[in-house]
């Protein structure tokens, strides 16, 4: 059951939009590698956290780009 939640979160984030999915994949890859070096069993948790952090970053960046485009014209 715990692994189902860890798999469902990235899939849900990837279904939002292609830009956010790209960020999730990058974040999950970086988090997985970082978690692997932290210790045994932390790679999956690192991937989930990396996906969430990258998703937040790219969502904030997309919102700023939209505001910038709105102000230009």
Protein backbone atom coordinates (compact mmCIF):
# COMPACT_ATOMS: atom_id res chain seq x y z
CA UNK A 1 0.00 0.00 0.00
CA UNK A 2 2.84 2.38 0.82
CA UNK A 3 4.48 1.80 -2.57
CA UNK A 4 1.18 2.46 -4.34
CA UNK A 5 1.12 5.94 -2.82
CA UNK A 6 4.72 6.58 -3.86
CA UNK A 7 3.93 5.57 -7.43
CA UNK A 8 0.60 7.41 -7.62
CA UNK A 9 2.00 10.81 -6.61
CA UNK A 10 4.47 11.15 -9.52
CA UNK A 11 1.89 9.81 -11.98
CA UNK A 12 -0.64 12.34 -10.78
CA UNK A 13 1.88 15.16 -11.10
CA UNK A 14 2.87 14.04 -14.60
CA UNK A 15 -0.72 14.11 -15.79
CA UNK A 16 -1.02 17.85 -15.01
CA UNK A 17 0.91 19.17 -18.00
CA UNK A 18 4.01 18.28 -20.04
CA UNK A 19 6.17 21.00 -18.48
CA UNK A 20 5.42 19.83 -14.96
CA UNK A 21 5.93 16.22 -15.96
CA UNK A 22 9.36 17.06 -17.28
CA UNK A 23 10.25 18.68 -13.97
CA UNK A 24 8.92 15.72 -12.04
CA UNK A 25 11.03 13.28 -14.04
CA UNK A 26 14.16 15.38 -13.58
CA UNK A 27 13.50 15.83 -9.86
CA UNK A 28 12.73 12.16 -9.35
CA UNK A 29 15.96 11.16 -11.07
CA UNK A 30 18.04 13.57 -8.98
CA UNK A 31 16.23 12.65 -5.76
CA UNK A 32 16.60 8.94 -6.45
CA UNK A 33 20.35 9.26 -6.95
CA UNK A 34 20.69 11.44 -3.86
CA UNK A 35 18.59 9.04 -1.79
CA UNK A 36 20.65 6.11 -3.00
CA UNK A 37 23.79 7.69 -1.62
CA UNK A 38 22.13 8.57 1.70
CA UNK A 39 21.40 5.00 2.63
CA UNK A 40 19.58 1.76 2.05
CA UNK A 41 15.95 2.20 1.02
CA UNK A 42 16.06 5.97 0.64
CA UNK A 43 16.14 6.04 -3.17
CA UNK A 44 12.37 5.68 -3.54
CA UNK A 45 11.68 8.29 -0.90
CA UNK A 46 14.24 10.60 -2.51
CA UNK A 47 12.60 10.16 -5.90
CA UNK A 48 9.18 11.03 -4.49
CA UNK A 49 10.48 14.12 -2.72
CA UNK A 50 12.52 15.15 -5.77
CA UNK A 51 9.41 14.90 -7.93
CA UNK A 52 7.40 17.05 -5.52
CA UNK A 53 10.13 19.70 -5.27
CA UNK A 54 10.68 19.89 -9.02
CA UNK A 55 6.92 19.98 -9.61
CA UNK A 56 6.66 22.98 -7.28
CA UNK A 57 9.63 24.71 -8.92
CA UNK A 58 8.31 24.32 -12.47
CA UNK A 59 4.77 25.33 -11.44
CA UNK A 60 6.13 28.51 -9.89
CA UNK A 61 8.25 29.18 -12.98
CA UNK A 62 5.26 28.64 -15.31
CA UNK A 63 3.15 31.02 -13.22
CA UNK A 64 5.87 33.69 -13.41
CA UNK A 65 6.18 33.23 -17.18
CA UNK A 66 2.42 33.60 -17.59
CA UNK A 67 2.43 36.82 -15.53
CA UNK A 68 5.37 38.16 -17.53
CA UNK A 69 3.57 37.45 -20.83
CA UNK A 70 0.39 39.10 -19.54
CA UNK A 71 2.31 42.27 -18.58
CA UNK A 72 4.00 42.54 -21.99
CA UNK A 73 0.90 42.90 -23.95
